[in-house]
Structure formats: C-alpha cells, structure tokens
C-alpha cells in the first residue's frame, strides 16, 4: 500500500487533477465548436456564390458583410487549431535523430516562403553534432513556429542565421534574425499563452514551442533588442548512451 500523501503533496495532486480535467474539457469544447463553425463557413461560401451572381447595390453590400463573416470564421478556425495544438497532451515518440538533418529538412520546406519574403537564410551547422532524442513531428512544429516568427519580424526582408553547436552534455540551436526586435517587457511575456503583439495572432505559437522543447527535456531562451533583431536559443540534452556512441 502506498503511503498517504502529506497535505502539500495532496494539494499539488488535486490541482494537477483539476488542471488535467479542465484541459480535457477545454479540448473537447474546442472540438465541438469546430463542427458548427465548419457549417457556418460552408454556408457563407455558398451564400457568397449566390450573391456574386447579382450586381445590385444591395447584393454588393450583402457580399461585403458575408466576406467579413468568412474572415472571422477563418480567424476562429486558426485560433481553435492553435489552441488544440497547445492543449494537446500526447506521449512523445523519441528517437535518436540527426538534428542538423532535421533542421535542413525544415529550412528546405521554408525556402520558398523565405525567398518570397526576401529573407536570406545562413546556416552554420556543426558537422560533429551528436545525435539527440527527438519526436521529429513535434520538433518540426516547434522549429517552424520560431522560423515563421522570425520572418514576421522582418517585414522588409533580412537575414536569419541558424547555427548548431555541441556544448558539454547539450546541443544548442541558435536562431538569430535581423528583424525589428523586442523590448524587455515583450520578450519576458512572449511565452505566455494568448499574449501576442500581432493583431491577428493567437498568442499560442511560442507557448506551444516552449511546451514542446520542455517535453524533450530542453530549454528555450530569448534575447532581443529593439531595432537590432532577436536570438532564440534552444538547448537539448544528449543522453549519455548517445554521447558514448558519438565518441
């Protein structure tokens, strides 16, 4: 029989149980909202097609209102998707992974968007980097969130430096952009859920990234200065048995 929990441990366990239940209910609610939202979006599309066939002033005014509803539906859809991604709790499928290869794969995917935005991507990837344990899908999402955030910080184009290095028992990923930067207050709050400086942002991209990195046993930090760009730093542990394999 397990020993009884003391008062503080029992309180912590009760709070954890309550949080888990709230997260489950919130996730279920978000899923339920998506169903009628999809119906609304579909009917707005059909209504827009019907109104588009008419050239009367009343029809044009109605079509503008329909377009507003369609945009708001899309915004809600994006918010729900971001929330479900943030709230989703799943077991990571960790596998020994070549981190440089994973980064190259993400940057290759991002390349067309980078060219369109006028962003030059510079790579400094340590060829002797040891393997780390990654859930490739989850880490890909986290890295893309950071890269997209960097692109948005460079509305007139710029440079994104991606560097990897091995430091003792961790590998480090540096993402350095030449964007607009942030003040200290913004940088200190950017991992808070629903905090965003963008009018259309959900404020969940970076908190989701932090959760993913933490689930890998890693850490993420940020340094920034207004007008001088931003540096994100990701540290991921290298398990001892993998360190042994690399040496």
Protein backbone atom coordinates (compact mmCIF):
# COMPACT_ATOMS: atom_id res chain seq x y z
CA UNK A 1 0.00 0.00 0.00
CA UNK A 2 1.30 3.44 -0.92
CA UNK A 3 1.98 5.82 1.98
CA UNK A 4 -0.59 8.60 2.41
CA UNK A 5 0.24 11.93 0.82
CA UNK A 6 1.02 14.85 3.12
CA UNK A 7 -1.14 17.97 2.89
CA UNK A 8 1.11 19.82 0.43
CA UNK A 9 1.52 16.80 -1.86
CA UNK A 10 -2.23 16.14 -1.75
CA UNK A 11 -2.90 19.77 -2.67
CA UNK A 12 -0.50 19.60 -5.61
CA UNK A 13 -2.05 16.35 -6.81
CA UNK A 14 -5.55 17.81 -6.52
CA UNK A 15 -4.53 20.88 -8.53
CA UNK A 16 -2.91 18.69 -11.18
CA UNK A 17 -6.06 16.59 -11.44
CA UNK A 18 -8.18 19.73 -11.76
CA UNK A 19 -5.87 21.14 -14.44
CA UNK A 20 -6.00 17.87 -16.39
CA UNK A 21 -9.79 17.84 -16.23
CA UNK A 22 -10.04 21.49 -17.31
CA UNK A 23 -7.65 20.85 -20.21
CA UNK A 24 -9.69 17.83 -21.27
CA UNK A 25 -12.95 19.78 -21.15
CA UNK A 26 -11.44 22.76 -22.99
CA UNK A 27 -10.11 20.49 -25.71
CA UNK A 28 -13.48 18.80 -26.06
CA UNK A 29 -15.22 22.17 -26.23
CA UNK A 30 -12.85 23.36 -28.95
CA UNK A 31 -13.61 20.25 -31.00
CA UNK A 32 -17.35 20.80 -30.54
CA UNK A 33 -17.04 24.42 -31.68
CA UNK A 34 -15.21 23.38 -34.85
CA UNK A 35 -18.19 21.39 -36.14
CA UNK A 36 -20.79 24.22 -36.29
CA UNK A 37 -18.05 26.62 -37.35
CA UNK A 38 -17.38 24.46 -40.40
CA UNK A 39 -21.10 24.53 -41.21
CA UNK A 40 -21.16 28.32 -40.94
CA UNK A 41 -18.11 28.63 -43.20
CA UNK A 42 -19.61 26.34 -45.81
CA UNK A 43 -22.89 28.24 -45.88
CA UNK A 44 -21.05 31.57 -46.12
CA UNK A 45 -19.17 30.21 -49.15
CA UNK A 46 -22.43 29.17 -50.79
CA UNK A 47 -24.08 32.49 -49.95
CA UNK A 48 -21.11 34.38 -51.42
CA UNK A 49 -21.51 32.42 -54.66
CA UNK A 50 -25.22 33.26 -54.83
CA UNK A 51 -24.64 36.96 -54.13
CA UNK A 52 -21.78 37.09 -56.62
CA UNK A 53 -24.24 36.40 -59.42
CA UNK A 54 -26.10 39.63 -58.70
CA UNK A 55 -24.80 43.13 -59.47
CA UNK A 56 -27.36 45.11 -57.47
CA UNK A 57 -26.13 47.56 -54.81
CA UNK A 58 -27.92 45.57 -52.10
CA UNK A 59 -26.21 42.35 -53.18
CA UNK A 60 -22.79 44.03 -53.18
CA UNK A 61 -23.38 45.36 -49.66
CA UNK A 62 -24.51 41.93 -48.50
CA UNK A 63 -21.45 40.31 -50.10
CA UNK A 64 -19.16 42.62 -48.14
CA UNK A 65 -20.85 41.54 -44.91
CA UNK A 66 -20.53 37.89 -45.91
CA UNK A 67 -16.81 38.43 -46.53
CA UNK A 68 -16.43 39.84 -43.01
CA UNK A 69 -18.11 36.75 -41.54
CA UNK A 70 -15.93 34.46 -43.68
CA UNK A 71 -12.74 36.18 -42.47
CA UNK A 72 -13.84 35.96 -38.84
CA UNK A 73 -14.70 32.27 -39.29
CA UNK A 74 -11.21 31.67 -40.66
CA UNK A 75 -9.69 33.54 -37.73
CA UNK A 76 -11.68 31.42 -35.28
CA UNK A 77 -10.64 28.28 -37.12
CA UNK A 78 -6.97 29.24 -36.85
CA UNK A 79 -7.37 30.10 -33.16
CA UNK A 80 -9.03 26.74 -32.44
CA UNK A 81 -6.32 24.87 -34.33
CA UNK A 82 -3.60 26.72 -32.39
CA UNK A 83 -5.39 26.07 -29.09
CA UNK A 84 -5.78 22.35 -29.77
CA UNK A 85 -2.12 22.15 -30.71
CA UNK A 86 -1.18 23.91 -27.45
CA UNK A 87 -3.52 21.90 -25.24
CA UNK A 88 -2.86 18.54 -26.87
CA UNK A 89 -1.17 16.12 -24.49
CA UNK A 90 0.45 13.13 -26.09
CA UNK A 91 3.40 10.91 -25.46
CA UNK A 92 6.42 11.95 -27.49
CA UNK A 93 7.85 9.34 -29.83
CA UNK A 94 11.53 9.98 -29.12
CA UNK A 95 14.11 8.56 -31.50
CA UNK A 96 17.86 9.15 -31.93
CA UNK A 97 17.94 11.89 -34.55
CA UNK A 98 20.48 13.84 -36.58
CA UNK A 99 19.46 17.34 -35.52
CA UNK A 100 21.26 19.00 -38.43
CA UNK A 101 19.34 16.85 -40.89
CA UNK A 102 16.07 17.74 -39.17
CA UNK A 103 16.90 21.45 -39.36
CA UNK A 104 17.90 21.19 -43.04
CA UNK A 105 14.58 19.50 -43.79
CA UNK A 106 12.61 22.31 -42.14
CA UNK A 107 14.69 25.02 -43.86
CA UNK A 108 14.18 23.34 -47.24
CA UNK A 109 10.43 23.39 -46.61
CA UNK A 110 10.63 27.06 -45.63
CA UNK A 111 12.87 28.10 -48.56
CA UNK A 112 10.11 29.23 -50.99
CA UNK A 113 8.49 31.38 -48.31
CA UNK A 114 11.89 32.82 -47.35
CA UNK A 115 12.63 33.80 -50.96
CA UNK A 116 9.22 35.46 -51.31
CA UNK A 117 9.77 37.42 -48.09
CA UNK A 118 13.32 38.47 -49.01
CA UNK A 119 14.84 36.55 -46.09
CA UNK A 120 18.35 35.16 -46.55
CA UNK A 121 18.90 32.00 -44.51
CA UNK A 122 22.50 31.40 -43.42
CA UNK A 123 23.49 28.01 -41.99
CA UNK A 124 26.32 27.26 -39.60
CA UNK A 125 25.64 23.64 -38.69
CA UNK A 126 28.28 21.79 -36.67
CA UNK A 127 29.12 18.62 -38.68
CA UNK A 128 30.22 16.82 -35.49
CA UNK A 129 26.97 17.41 -33.64
CA UNK A 130 25.93 14.36 -31.58
CA UNK A 131 22.52 12.83 -32.10
CA UNK A 132 19.67 13.77 -29.74
CA UNK A 133 16.37 12.15 -28.84
CA UNK A 134 13.60 13.87 -30.81
CA UNK A 135 9.96 13.50 -31.64
CA UNK A 136 10.52 14.63 -35.22
CA UNK A 137 6.97 15.82 -35.90
CA UNK A 138 6.72 17.82 -32.68
CA UNK A 139 10.19 19.36 -33.04
CA UNK A 140 9.43 20.28 -36.65
CA UNK A 141 6.38 22.20 -35.46
CA UNK A 142 8.40 23.99 -32.76
CA UNK A 143 11.16 24.97 -35.19
CA UNK A 144 8.71 26.18 -37.82
CA UNK A 145 6.96 28.34 -35.22
CA UNK A 146 10.28 30.07 -34.46
CA UNK A 147 11.24 30.48 -38.11
CA UNK A 148 7.86 31.94 -39.03
CA UNK A 149 8.08 34.27 -36.03
CA UNK A 150 11.50 35.43 -37.29
CA UNK A 151 10.14 36.02 -40.80
CA UNK A 152 7.28 38.12 -39.41
CA UNK A 153 9.84 40.21 -37.51
CA UNK A 154 11.50 41.08 -40.85
CA UNK A 155 8.63 42.60 -42.91
CA UNK A 156 11.12 44.19 -45.32
CA UNK A 157 13.35 41.15 -45.58
CA UNK A 158 16.57 40.43 -43.75
CA UNK A 159 18.80 37.62 -42.61
CA UNK A 160 18.14 34.55 -40.48
CA UNK A 161 21.18 32.76 -39.11
CA UNK A 162 20.70 29.16 -37.97
CA UNK A 163 23.61 27.71 -36.03
CA UNK A 164 24.14 24.48 -34.10
CA UNK A 165 26.85 23.65 -31.59
CA UNK A 166 27.72 20.98 -29.03
CA UNK A 167 28.32 22.24 -25.51
CA UNK A 168 29.11 19.67 -22.84
CA UNK A 169 26.05 17.44 -22.44
CA UNK A 170 23.69 19.50 -24.62
CA UNK A 171 23.35 20.57 -28.22
CA UNK A 172 22.35 24.15 -28.87
CA UNK A 173 20.37 25.65 -31.73
CA UNK A 174 20.68 29.38 -32.30
CA UNK A 175 18.18 31.25 -34.48
CA UNK A 176 19.25 34.87 -34.99
CA UNK A 177 17.21 37.28 -37.08
CA UNK A 178 17.94 40.84 -38.16
CA UNK A 179 14.37 41.93 -37.52
CA UNK A 180 12.70 44.69 -35.59
CA UNK A 181 13.49 43.19 -32.19
CA UNK A 182 11.51 43.45 -28.95
CA UNK A 183 11.63 45.46 -25.78
CA UNK A 184 12.29 43.72 -22.46
CA UNK A 185 8.63 43.61 -21.46
CA UNK A 186 7.57 41.87 -24.67
CA UNK A 187 10.48 39.43 -24.53
CA UNK A 188 9.62 38.50 -20.93
CA UNK A 189 5.98 37.72 -21.81
CA UNK A 190 6.27 36.11 -25.22
CA UNK A 191 5.94 32.56 -23.87
CA UNK A 192 2.70 33.41 -22.06
CA UNK A 193 -0.40 31.78 -23.55
CA UNK A 194 -2.56 34.21 -25.58
CA UNK A 195 -0.02 37.04 -25.33
CA UNK A 196 0.60 38.49 -28.79
CA UNK A 197 1.73 41.78 -30.28
CA UNK A 198 0.18 40.87 -33.64
CA UNK A 199 -3.46 41.92 -34.27
CA UNK A 200 -4.30 38.58 -35.87
CA UNK A 201 -2.05 36.40 -33.71
CA UNK A 202 -3.43 33.75 -31.37
CA UNK A 203 -0.57 34.12 -28.90
CA UNK A 204 -0.13 30.34 -28.78
CA UNK A 205 2.66 29.65 -31.27
CA UNK A 206 5.60 30.40 -28.97
CA UNK A 207 3.99 28.90 -25.83
CA UNK A 208 3.42 25.72 -27.85
CA UNK A 209 7.06 25.78 -28.91
CA UNK A 210 8.17 26.13 -25.29
CA UNK A 211 5.98 23.18 -24.26
CA UNK A 212 7.45 21.00 -27.00
CA UNK A 213 11.04 21.87 -26.09
CA UNK A 214 10.33 21.29 -22.38
CA UNK A 215 8.77 17.90 -23.21
CA UNK A 216 12.11 16.98 -24.80
CA UNK A 217 13.87 17.85 -21.54
CA UNK A 218 15.24 21.00 -23.12
CA UNK A 219 15.12 24.74 -22.61
CA UNK A 220 14.43 27.75 -24.79
CA UNK A 221 15.50 31.31 -24.18
CA UNK A 222 15.32 34.63 -26.00
CA UNK A 223 17.49 37.74 -26.24
CA UNK A 224 16.31 40.76 -28.16
CA UNK A 225 16.85 44.44 -28.67
CA UNK A 226 14.55 46.87 -30.44
CA UNK A 227 15.93 47.61 -33.89
CA UNK A 228 18.71 45.01 -33.61
CA UNK A 229 16.99 41.66 -34.02
CA UNK A 230 16.28 38.64 -31.86
CA UNK A 231 18.09 35.46 -30.88
CA UNK A 232 16.29 32.31 -29.78
CA UNK A 233 18.40 29.65 -28.12
CA UNK A 234 17.28 26.03 -27.81
CA UNK A 235 19.18 23.57 -25.61
CA UNK A 236 18.51 19.85 -25.98
CA UNK A 237 20.06 17.18 -23.78
CA UNK A 238 22.31 14.50 -25.22
CA UNK A 239 21.69 11.19 -23.41
CA UNK A 240 24.87 9.64 -22.06
CA UNK A 241 24.47 6.50 -24.16
CA UNK A 242 24.29 8.62 -27.32
CA UNK A 243 27.32 10.62 -26.26
CA UNK A 244 29.18 7.34 -25.96
CA UNK A 245 28.17 6.31 -29.45
CA UNK A 246 29.50 9.53 -30.97
CA UNK A 247 32.95 9.23 -29.37
